[in-house]
């Protein structure tokens, strides 16, 4: 029974990993899923030989390293999942900052639509808020994200005067920094009560970047996430959080140089 469950899990994981080749751009989350799928499938095929190797000596030490790593990963996944709900909106916010998440040519991606719909619902319930949509134009996008996001919200019914578009940023840090500049032009300080909208897994890091940009009174509005994106987004965010803890900024450390070198654009670490 144990081996049957292992085989079924390996097949399902392999099918999911292959499907990412046709349904998603290359990113860190996809890479992690491919590595996990290869490891699980490899163990399913060679489990007898691997079990013998893990039973003694160096293999035994490697086994405990894998166990410790798995426990740590599970803990980080729980942290990422829970932390998005620890800084909820108060209902007194005057500004809504919607963080970009990629377009399909000129249309918001499914992940981004979850954010936009959450922002729209909040703005309808609090009609006096100013909404700022954020995001520049990616290599595979025909318009800036911020503009497409604004168009989406206006088409749903928000007043054009209520929604401002920031169209130059390339990361979450720049989303907040440039949004603060746009708000300042309207006489609105970043210190005003603000709510930032992103998917739940991304809220923790986004909150840290908000503070760095001067949004000292910022709360999170966690949006949902498509079920098929759960593995890639949460695995990717675990490593993004670890990177954030070490370097504090996506614009420092080795990953920034690597992204430019490999031309993997901002989706590599979901900035």
C-alpha atoms as a PDB file:
ATOM      1  CA  UNK A   1       0.000   0.000   0.000  1.00  0.00           C
ATOM      2  CA  UNK A   2       2.836   2.391   0.884  1.00  0.00           C
ATOM      3  CA  UNK A   3       4.520   1.801  -2.461  1.00  0.00           C
ATOM      4  CA  UNK A   4       1.227   2.208  -4.306  1.00  0.00           C
ATOM      5  CA  UNK A   5       0.637   5.600  -2.671  1.00  0.00           C
ATOM      6  CA  UNK A   6       4.198   6.591  -3.517  1.00  0.00           C
ATOM      7  CA  UNK A   7       3.707   5.633  -7.154  1.00  0.00           C
ATOM      8  CA  UNK A   8       0.397   7.507  -7.393  1.00  0.00           C
ATOM      9  CA  UNK A   9       1.942  10.615  -5.809  1.00  0.00           C
ATOM     10  CA  UNK A  10       4.924  10.427  -8.156  1.00  0.00           C
ATOM     11  CA  UNK A  11       2.676  10.159 -11.227  1.00  0.00           C
ATOM     12  CA  UNK A  12       0.437  13.041 -10.125  1.00  0.00           C
ATOM     13  CA  UNK A  13       3.435  15.219  -9.333  1.00  0.00           C
ATOM     14  CA  UNK A  14       5.051  14.381 -12.677  1.00  0.00           C
ATOM     15  CA  UNK A  15       1.860  15.237 -14.570  1.00  0.00           C
ATOM     16  CA  UNK A  16       1.580  18.546 -12.702  1.00  0.00           C
ATOM     17  CA  UNK A  17       5.243  19.369 -13.349  1.00  0.00           C
ATOM     18  CA  UNK A  18       4.865  18.670 -17.068  1.00  0.00           C
ATOM     19  CA  UNK A  19       1.693  20.764 -17.252  1.00  0.00           C
ATOM     20  CA  UNK A  20       3.657  23.782 -16.018  1.00  0.00           C
ATOM     21  CA  UNK A  21       5.623  23.720 -19.259  1.00  0.00           C
ATOM     22  CA  UNK A  22       2.444  24.633 -21.137  1.00  0.00           C
ATOM     23  CA  UNK A  23       0.546  26.778 -18.632  1.00  0.00           C
ATOM     24  CA  UNK A  24       3.149  29.003 -17.002  1.00  0.00           C
ATOM     25  CA  UNK A  25       6.236  31.082 -17.658  1.00  0.00           C
ATOM     26  CA  UNK A  26       9.525  29.802 -16.258  1.00  0.00           C
ATOM     27  CA  UNK A  27       9.945  30.894 -12.644  1.00  0.00           C
ATOM     28  CA  UNK A  28      11.508  29.778  -9.395  1.00  0.00           C
ATOM     29  CA  UNK A  29       8.320  28.039  -8.301  1.00  0.00           C
ATOM     30  CA  UNK A  30       8.229  25.900 -11.435  1.00  0.00           C
ATOM     31  CA  UNK A  31      11.889  25.022 -11.030  1.00  0.00           C
ATOM     32  CA  UNK A  32      11.310  23.871  -7.444  1.00  0.00           C
ATOM     33  CA  UNK A  33       8.342  21.731  -8.501  1.00  0.00           C
ATOM     34  CA  UNK A  34      10.425  20.123 -11.253  1.00  0.00           C
ATOM     35  CA  UNK A  35      13.195  19.326  -8.765  1.00  0.00           C
ATOM     36  CA  UNK A  36      10.683  17.886  -6.300  1.00  0.00           C
ATOM     37  CA  UNK A  37       9.008  15.824  -9.020  1.00  0.00           C
ATOM     38  CA  UNK A  38      12.362  14.450 -10.181  1.00  0.00           C
ATOM     39  CA  UNK A  39      13.309  13.519  -6.606  1.00  0.00           C
ATOM     40  CA  UNK A  40       9.997  11.785  -5.857  1.00  0.00           C
ATOM     41  CA  UNK A  41       9.932   9.941  -9.193  1.00  0.00           C
ATOM     42  CA  UNK A  42      13.553   8.898  -8.717  1.00  0.00           C
ATOM     43  CA  UNK A  43      12.797   7.513  -5.283  1.00  0.00           C
ATOM     44  CA  UNK A  44       9.711   5.695  -6.591  1.00  0.00           C
ATOM     45  CA  UNK A  45      11.850   3.935  -9.225  1.00  0.00           C
ATOM     46  CA  UNK A  46      14.953   3.217  -7.124  1.00  0.00           C
ATOM     47  CA  UNK A  47      13.457   3.042  -3.617  1.00  0.00           C
ATOM     48  CA  UNK A  48      15.012  -0.327  -2.742  1.00  0.00           C
ATOM     49  CA  UNK A  49      18.565   0.748  -3.528  1.00  0.00           C
ATOM     50  CA  UNK A  50      18.041   4.123  -1.869  1.00  0.00           C
ATOM     51  CA  UNK A  51      16.537   2.562   1.269  1.00  0.00           C
ATOM     52  CA  UNK A  52      19.596   0.349   1.598  1.00  0.00           C
ATOM     53  CA  UNK A  53      21.909   3.329   1.193  1.00  0.00           C
ATOM     54  CA  UNK A  54      19.979   5.425   3.724  1.00  0.00           C
ATOM     55  CA  UNK A  55      20.195   2.591   6.281  1.00  0.00           C
ATOM     56  CA  UNK A  56      23.815   3.149   7.369  1.00  0.00           C
ATOM     57  CA  UNK A  57      26.919   5.324   7.208  1.00  0.00           C
ATOM     58  CA  UNK A  58      26.903   8.415   5.049  1.00  0.00           C
ATOM     59  CA  UNK A  59      23.475   7.490   3.740  1.00  0.00           C
ATOM     60  CA  UNK A  60      22.081   7.524   7.272  1.00  0.00           C
ATOM     61  CA  UNK A  61      23.449  11.013   7.853  1.00  0.00           C
ATOM     62  CA  UNK A  62      22.001  12.131   4.523  1.00  0.00           C
ATOM     63  CA  UNK A  63      18.639  10.695   5.574  1.00  0.00           C
ATOM     64  CA  UNK A  64      18.548  12.814   8.722  1.00  0.00           C
ATOM     65  CA  UNK A  65      19.568  15.878   6.746  1.00  0.00           C
ATOM     66  CA  UNK A  66      16.630  15.248   4.421  1.00  0.00           C
ATOM     67  CA  UNK A  67      14.288  14.790   7.389  1.00  0.00           C
ATOM     68  CA  UNK A  68      15.481  18.023   9.004  1.00  0.00           C
ATOM     69  CA  UNK A  69      15.179  19.868   5.702  1.00  0.00           C
ATOM     70  CA  UNK A  70      11.661  18.547   5.154  1.00  0.00           C
ATOM     71  CA  UNK A  71      10.566  19.610   8.643  1.00  0.00           C
ATOM     72  CA  UNK A  72      12.068  23.066   8.103  1.00  0.00           C
ATOM     73  CA  UNK A  73      10.354  23.387   4.714  1.00  0.00           C
ATOM     74  CA  UNK A  74       7.018  22.340   6.208  1.00  0.00           C
ATOM     75  CA  UNK A  75       7.430  24.936   8.957  1.00  0.00           C
ATOM     76  CA  UNK A  76       8.233  27.644   6.421  1.00  0.00           C
ATOM     77  CA  UNK A  77       5.207  26.713   4.322  1.00  0.00           C
ATOM     78  CA  UNK A  78       2.991  27.050   7.393  1.00  0.00           C
ATOM     79  CA  UNK A  79       4.584  30.418   8.191  1.00  0.00           C
ATOM     80  CA  UNK A  80       4.006  31.697   4.657  1.00  0.00           C
ATOM     81  CA  UNK A  81       0.400  30.459   4.708  1.00  0.00           C
ATOM     82  CA  UNK A  82      -0.468  31.928   8.117  1.00  0.00           C
ATOM     83  CA  UNK A  83       1.480  35.206   8.026  1.00  0.00           C
ATOM     84  CA  UNK A  84      -0.668  36.632   5.250  1.00  0.00           C
ATOM     85  CA  UNK A  85      -3.596  36.911   7.661  1.00  0.00           C
ATOM     86  CA  UNK A  86      -1.833  38.422  10.675  1.00  0.00           C
ATOM     87  CA  UNK A  87      -2.096  42.087   9.625  1.00  0.00           C
ATOM     88  CA  UNK A  88      -5.733  42.546   8.542  1.00  0.00           C
ATOM     89  CA  UNK A  89      -7.383  45.716   7.302  1.00  0.00           C
ATOM     90  CA  UNK A  90      -9.126  47.931   9.843  1.00  0.00           C
ATOM     91  CA  UNK A  91     -11.634  49.516   7.478  1.00  0.00           C
ATOM     92  CA  UNK A  92     -10.224  53.001   8.101  1.00  0.00           C
ATOM     93  CA  UNK A  93      -7.665  52.943   5.298  1.00  0.00           C
ATOM     94  CA  UNK A  94      -7.558  55.892   2.901  1.00  0.00           C
ATOM     95  CA  UNK A  95      -5.337  54.304   0.249  1.00  0.00           C
ATOM     96  CA  UNK A  96      -5.390  50.926  -1.507  1.00  0.00           C
ATOM     97  CA  UNK A  97      -2.186  49.809  -3.242  1.00  0.00           C
ATOM     98  CA  UNK A  98      -2.680  46.844  -5.564  1.00  0.00           C
ATOM     99  CA  UNK A  99       0.543  44.978  -6.346  1.00  0.00           C
ATOM    100  CA  UNK A 100       1.125  43.700  -9.872  1.00  0.00           C
ATOM    101  CA  UNK A 101       1.410  40.015 -10.758  1.00  0.00           C
ATOM    102  CA  UNK A 102       1.817  39.733 -14.512  1.00  0.00           C
ATOM    103  CA  UNK A 103      -0.315  40.058 -17.616  1.00  0.00           C
ATOM    104  CA  UNK A 104      -1.211  37.802 -20.522  1.00  0.00           C
ATOM    105  CA  UNK A 105      -0.385  40.331 -23.245  1.00  0.00           C
ATOM    106  CA  UNK A 106      -2.744  43.114 -22.110  1.00  0.00           C
ATOM    107  CA  UNK A 107      -5.012  41.176 -19.757  1.00  0.00           C
ATOM    108  CA  UNK A 108      -4.454  40.502 -16.043  1.00  0.00           C
ATOM    109  CA  UNK A 109      -3.336  36.973 -15.245  1.00  0.00           C
ATOM    110  CA  UNK A 110      -5.609  34.783 -13.136  1.00  0.00           C
ATOM    111  CA  UNK A 111      -3.417  35.385 -10.087  1.00  0.00           C
ATOM    112  CA  UNK A 112      -3.660  39.134 -10.646  1.00  0.00           C
ATOM    113  CA  UNK A 113      -7.432  39.013 -11.120  1.00  0.00           C
ATOM    114  CA  UNK A 114      -7.752  37.556  -7.621  1.00  0.00           C
ATOM    115  CA  UNK A 115      -5.935  40.652  -6.316  1.00  0.00           C
ATOM    116  CA  UNK A 116      -7.938  43.067  -8.416  1.00  0.00           C
ATOM    117  CA  UNK A 117     -11.269  41.539  -7.433  1.00  0.00           C
ATOM    118  CA  UNK A 118     -10.331  41.783  -3.738  1.00  0.00           C
ATOM    119  CA  UNK A 119      -9.316  45.420  -4.214  1.00  0.00           C
ATOM    120  CA  UNK A 120     -12.527  46.158  -6.118  1.00  0.00           C
ATOM    121  CA  UNK A 121     -14.722  44.675  -3.387  1.00  0.00           C
ATOM    122  CA  UNK A 122     -12.909  46.694  -0.735  1.00  0.00           C
ATOM    123  CA  UNK A 123     -13.163  49.916  -2.763  1.00  0.00           C
ATOM    124  CA  UNK A 124     -16.899  49.394  -3.304  1.00  0.00           C
ATOM    125  CA  UNK A 125     -17.374  49.024   0.442  1.00  0.00           C
ATOM    126  CA  UNK A 126     -15.129  52.062   1.118  1.00  0.00           C
ATOM    127  CA  UNK A 127     -15.853  54.458  -1.779  1.00  0.00           C
ATOM    128  CA  UNK A 128     -13.658  57.258  -0.404  1.00  0.00           C
ATOM    129  CA  UNK A 129     -10.387  55.350  -0.771  1.00  0.00           C
ATOM    130  CA  UNK A 130      -7.833  56.157  -3.449  1.00  0.00           C
ATOM    131  CA  UNK A 131      -6.704  53.071  -5.364  1.00  0.00           C
ATOM    132  CA  UNK A 132      -3.214  52.822  -6.870  1.00  0.00           C
ATOM    133  CA  UNK A 133      -2.521  49.999  -9.315  1.00  0.00           C
ATOM    134  CA  UNK A 134       1.168  49.207  -9.740  1.00  0.00           C
ATOM    135  CA  UNK A 135       3.446  47.533 -12.257  1.00  0.00           C
ATOM    136  CA  UNK A 136       5.564  48.275 -15.285  1.00  0.00           C
ATOM    137  CA  UNK A 137       5.570  46.538 -18.649  1.00  0.00           C
ATOM    138  CA  UNK A 138       7.199  43.096 -18.855  1.00  0.00           C
ATOM    139  CA  UNK A 139       8.912  41.617 -21.887  1.00  0.00           C
ATOM    140  CA  UNK A 140       5.891  39.528 -22.830  1.00  0.00           C
ATOM    141  CA  UNK A 141       3.315  42.214 -22.020  1.00  0.00           C
ATOM    142  CA  UNK A 142       1.845  44.721 -24.485  1.00  0.00           C
ATOM    143  CA  UNK A 143       0.913  47.365 -21.897  1.00  0.00           C
ATOM    144  CA  UNK A 144       2.170  48.270 -18.409  1.00  0.00           C
ATOM    145  CA  UNK A 145       0.614  46.164 -15.669  1.00  0.00           C
ATOM    146  CA  UNK A 146      -0.546  49.194 -13.713  1.00  0.00           C
ATOM    147  CA  UNK A 147      -2.490  50.490 -16.714  1.00  0.00           C
ATOM    148  CA  UNK A 148      -4.128  47.137 -17.467  1.00  0.00           C
ATOM    149  CA  UNK A 149      -5.040  46.798 -13.786  1.00  0.00           C
ATOM    150  CA  UNK A 150      -6.598  50.265 -13.741  1.00  0.00           C
ATOM    151  CA  UNK A 151      -8.568  49.473 -16.903  1.00  0.00           C
ATOM    152  CA  UNK A 152      -9.840  46.255 -15.286  1.00  0.00           C
ATOM    153  CA  UNK A 153     -11.072  48.051 -12.155  1.00  0.00           C
ATOM    154  CA  UNK A 154     -12.682  50.875 -14.114  1.00  0.00           C
ATOM    155  CA  UNK A 155     -14.419  48.364 -16.389  1.00  0.00           C
ATOM    156  CA  UNK A 156     -15.800  46.649 -13.266  1.00  0.00           C
ATOM    157  CA  UNK A 157     -17.308  49.919 -12.117  1.00  0.00           C
ATOM    158  CA  UNK A 158     -14.821  52.009 -10.148  1.00  0.00           C
ATOM    159  CA  UNK A 159     -14.648  55.694 -11.008  1.00  0.00           C
ATOM    160  CA  UNK A 160     -11.699  56.610 -13.253  1.00  0.00           C
ATOM    161  CA  UNK A 161     -10.915  59.466 -10.864  1.00  0.00           C
ATOM    162  CA  UNK A 162     -10.613  57.005  -7.989  1.00  0.00           C
ATOM    163  CA  UNK A 163      -7.955  54.791  -9.590  1.00  0.00           C
ATOM    164  CA  UNK A 164      -4.380  55.920 -10.221  1.00  0.00           C
ATOM    165  CA  UNK A 165      -1.936  53.851 -12.282  1.00  0.00           C
ATOM    166  CA  UNK A 166       1.770  53.468 -11.541  1.00  0.00           C
ATOM    167  CA  UNK A 167       3.412  52.065 -14.672  1.00  0.00           C
ATOM    168  CA  UNK A 168       7.198  52.011 -14.178  1.00  0.00           C
ATOM    169  CA  UNK A 169       7.944  49.556 -11.363  1.00  0.00           C
ATOM    170  CA  UNK A 170       9.640  46.191 -11.825  1.00  0.00           C
ATOM    171  CA  UNK A 171       9.432  44.799  -8.281  1.00  0.00           C
ATOM    172  CA  UNK A 172       7.304  44.932  -5.153  1.00  0.00           C
ATOM    173  CA  UNK A 173       9.760  47.386  -3.637  1.00  0.00           C
ATOM    174  CA  UNK A 174       9.340  49.700  -6.600  1.00  0.00           C
ATOM    175  CA  UNK A 175       5.562  49.162  -6.547  1.00  0.00           C
ATOM    176  CA  UNK A 176       5.450  50.814  -3.137  1.00  0.00           C
ATOM    177  CA  UNK A 177       8.174  53.377  -3.776  1.00  0.00           C
ATOM    178  CA  UNK A 178       6.638  54.679  -6.992  1.00  0.00           C
ATOM    179  CA  UNK A 179       3.109  54.489  -5.568  1.00  0.00           C
ATOM    180  CA  UNK A 180       4.283  56.747  -2.730  1.00  0.00           C
ATOM    181  CA  UNK A 181       5.545  59.262  -5.303  1.00  0.00           C
ATOM    182  CA  UNK A 182       2.210  59.271  -7.155  1.00  0.00           C
ATOM    183  CA  UNK A 183       0.309  59.724  -3.903  1.00  0.00           C
ATOM    184  CA  UNK A 184       2.618  62.582  -2.888  1.00  0.00           C
ATOM    185  CA  UNK A 185       1.725  64.374  -6.124  1.00  0.00           C
ATOM    186  CA  UNK A 186      -1.911  64.201  -4.978  1.00  0.00           C
ATOM    187  CA  UNK A 187      -1.001  65.522  -1.535  1.00  0.00           C
ATOM    188  CA  UNK A 188      -1.417  62.139   0.136  1.00  0.00           C
ATOM    189  CA  UNK A 189       1.394  61.020   2.446  1.00  0.00           C
ATOM    190  CA  UNK A 190       2.561  57.413   2.561  1.00  0.00           C
ATOM    191  CA  UNK A 191       2.015  57.563   6.316  1.00  0.00           C
ATOM    192  CA  UNK A 192      -1.766  57.680   5.804  1.00  0.00           C
ATOM    193  CA  UNK A 193      -3.582  54.434   6.706  1.00  0.00           C
ATOM    194  CA  UNK A 194      -3.009  52.170   3.713  1.00  0.00           C
ATOM    195  CA  UNK A 195      -4.042  48.722   2.662  1.00  0.00           C
ATOM    196  CA  UNK A 196      -1.960  46.711   0.218  1.00  0.00           C
ATOM    197  CA  UNK A 197      -3.568  43.980  -1.847  1.00  0.00           C
ATOM    198  CA  UNK A 198      -1.698  40.865  -2.876  1.00  0.00           C
ATOM    199  CA  UNK A 199      -2.174  37.114  -2.654  1.00  0.00           C
ATOM    200  CA  UNK A 200      -2.014  35.727   0.872  1.00  0.00           C
ATOM    201  CA  UNK A 201       1.327  33.973   0.444  1.00  0.00           C
ATOM    202  CA  UNK A 202       2.965  37.255  -0.586  1.00  0.00           C
ATOM    203  CA  UNK A 203       1.619  39.462   2.230  1.00  0.00           C
ATOM    204  CA  UNK A 204       4.496  39.015   4.676  1.00  0.00           C
ATOM    205  CA  UNK A 205       7.253  40.220   2.357  1.00  0.00           C
ATOM    206  CA  UNK A 206       5.017  42.882   0.864  1.00  0.00           C
ATOM    207  CA  UNK A 207       4.475  44.310   4.338  1.00  0.00           C
ATOM    208  CA  UNK A 208       8.217  44.556   4.877  1.00  0.00           C
ATOM    209  CA  UNK A 209       8.724  46.328   1.563  1.00  0.00           C
ATOM    210  CA  UNK A 210       5.824  48.680   2.329  1.00  0.00           C
ATOM    211  CA  UNK A 211       7.553  49.852   5.500  1.00  0.00           C
ATOM    212  CA  UNK A 212      10.832  50.343   3.629  1.00  0.00           C
ATOM    213  CA  UNK A 213       8.994  52.645   1.210  1.00  0.00           C
ATOM    214  CA  UNK A 214       7.521  54.754   4.004  1.00  0.00           C
ATOM    215  CA  UNK A 215       4.098  53.145   4.386  1.00  0.00           C
ATOM    216  CA  UNK A 216       4.298  53.009   8.161  1.00  0.00           C
ATOM    217  CA  UNK A 217       0.587  52.347   8.710  1.00  0.00           C
ATOM    218  CA  UNK A 218      -0.045  49.612   6.158  1.00  0.00           C
ATOM    219  CA  UNK A 219      -2.298  46.583   6.533  1.00  0.00           C
ATOM    220  CA  UNK A 220      -2.767  43.593   4.265  1.00  0.00           C
ATOM    221  CA  UNK A 221      -5.765  42.502   2.240  1.00  0.00           C
ATOM    222  CA  UNK A 222      -4.915  38.899   1.303  1.00  0.00           C
ATOM    223  CA  UNK A 223      -6.440  37.732  -1.953  1.00  0.00           C
ATOM    224  CA  UNK A 224      -7.023  34.103  -2.835  1.00  0.00           C
ATOM    225  CA  UNK A 225      -5.031  31.992  -5.246  1.00  0.00           C
ATOM    226  CA  UNK A 226      -5.924  29.482  -7.989  1.00  0.00           C
ATOM    227  CA  UNK A 227      -5.645  25.928  -6.710  1.00  0.00           C
ATOM    228  CA  UNK A 228      -3.276  24.920  -9.503  1.00  0.00           C
ATOM    229  CA  UNK A 229      -0.854  27.685  -8.491  1.00  0.00           C
ATOM    230  CA  UNK A 230      -0.572  26.663  -4.837  1.00  0.00           C
ATOM    231  CA  UNK A 231       2.531  24.427  -5.098  1.00  0.00           C
ATOM    232  CA  UNK A 232       4.576  26.774  -7.268  1.00  0.00           C
ATOM    233  CA  UNK A 233       3.670  29.987  -5.465  1.00  0.00           C
ATOM    234  CA  UNK A 234       4.125  28.694  -1.935  1.00  0.00           C
ATOM    235  CA  UNK A 235       7.376  26.854  -2.641  1.00  0.00           C
ATOM    236  CA  UNK A 236       8.758  29.898  -4.403  1.00  0.00           C
ATOM    237  CA  UNK A 237       7.697  32.204  -1.584  1.00  0.00           C
ATOM    238  CA  UNK A 238       9.493  30.087   1.031  1.00  0.00           C
ATOM    239  CA  UNK A 239      12.810  30.737  -0.678  1.00  0.00           C
ATOM    240  CA  UNK A 240      11.884  34.356  -1.377  1.00  0.00           C
ATOM    241  CA  UNK A 241      11.235  34.900   2.343  1.00  0.00           C
ATOM    242  CA  UNK A 242      14.571  33.307   3.250  1.00  0.00           C
ATOM    243  CA  UNK A 243      16.271  35.556   0.715  1.00  0.00           C
ATOM    244  CA  UNK A 244      14.436  38.562   2.174  1.00  0.00           C
ATOM    245  CA  UNK A 245      15.572  37.704   5.695  1.00  0.00           C
ATOM    246  CA  UNK A 246      19.192  37.590   4.571  1.00  0.00           C
ATOM    247  CA  UNK A 247      19.389  40.500   2.107  1.00  0.00           C
ATOM    248  CA  UNK A 248      16.296  42.584   3.073  1.00  0.00           C
ATOM    249  CA  UNK A 249      15.943  43.699  -0.531  1.00  0.00           C
ATOM    250  CA  UNK A 250      15.386  41.988  -3.848  1.00  0.00           C
ATOM    251  CA  UNK A 251      17.702  44.613  -5.316  1.00  0.00           C
ATOM    252  CA  UNK A 252      20.705  43.350  -3.377  1.00  0.00           C
ATOM    253  CA  UNK A 253      22.425  39.998  -3.061  1.00  0.00           C
ATOM    254  CA  UNK A 254      23.333  37.491  -5.782  1.00  0.00           C
ATOM    255  CA  UNK A 255      19.811  36.877  -7.106  1.00  0.00           C
ATOM    256  CA  UNK A 256      19.475  40.375  -8.527  1.00  0.00           C
ATOM    257  CA  UNK A 257      22.553  39.883 -10.711  1.00  0.00           C
ATOM    258  CA  UNK A 258      21.452  36.378 -11.693  1.00  0.00           C
ATOM    259  CA  UNK A 259      18.033  37.526 -12.837  1.00  0.00           C
ATOM    260  CA  UNK A 260      19.621  40.055 -15.159  1.00  0.00           C
ATOM    261  CA  UNK A 261      22.203  37.569 -16.398  1.00  0.00           C
ATOM    262  CA  UNK A 262      19.721  34.823 -17.206  1.00  0.00           C
ATOM    263  CA  UNK A 263      17.039  37.176 -18.510  1.00  0.00           C
ATOM    264  CA  UNK A 264      14.383  35.481 -16.387  1.00  0.00           C
ATOM    265  CA  UNK A 265      12.537  38.755 -15.622  1.00  0.00           C
ATOM    266  CA  UNK A 266      10.819  39.670 -12.398  1.00  0.00           C
ATOM    267  CA  UNK A 267       8.783  36.467 -12.163  1.00  0.00           C
ATOM    268  CA  UNK A 268      11.835  34.389 -11.170  1.00  0.00           C
ATOM    269  CA  UNK A 269      11.436  35.254  -7.514  1.00  0.00           C
ATOM    270  CA  UNK A 270       8.016  36.857  -7.697  1.00  0.00           C
ATOM    271  CA  UNK A 271       9.300  40.220  -6.578  1.00  0.00           C
END
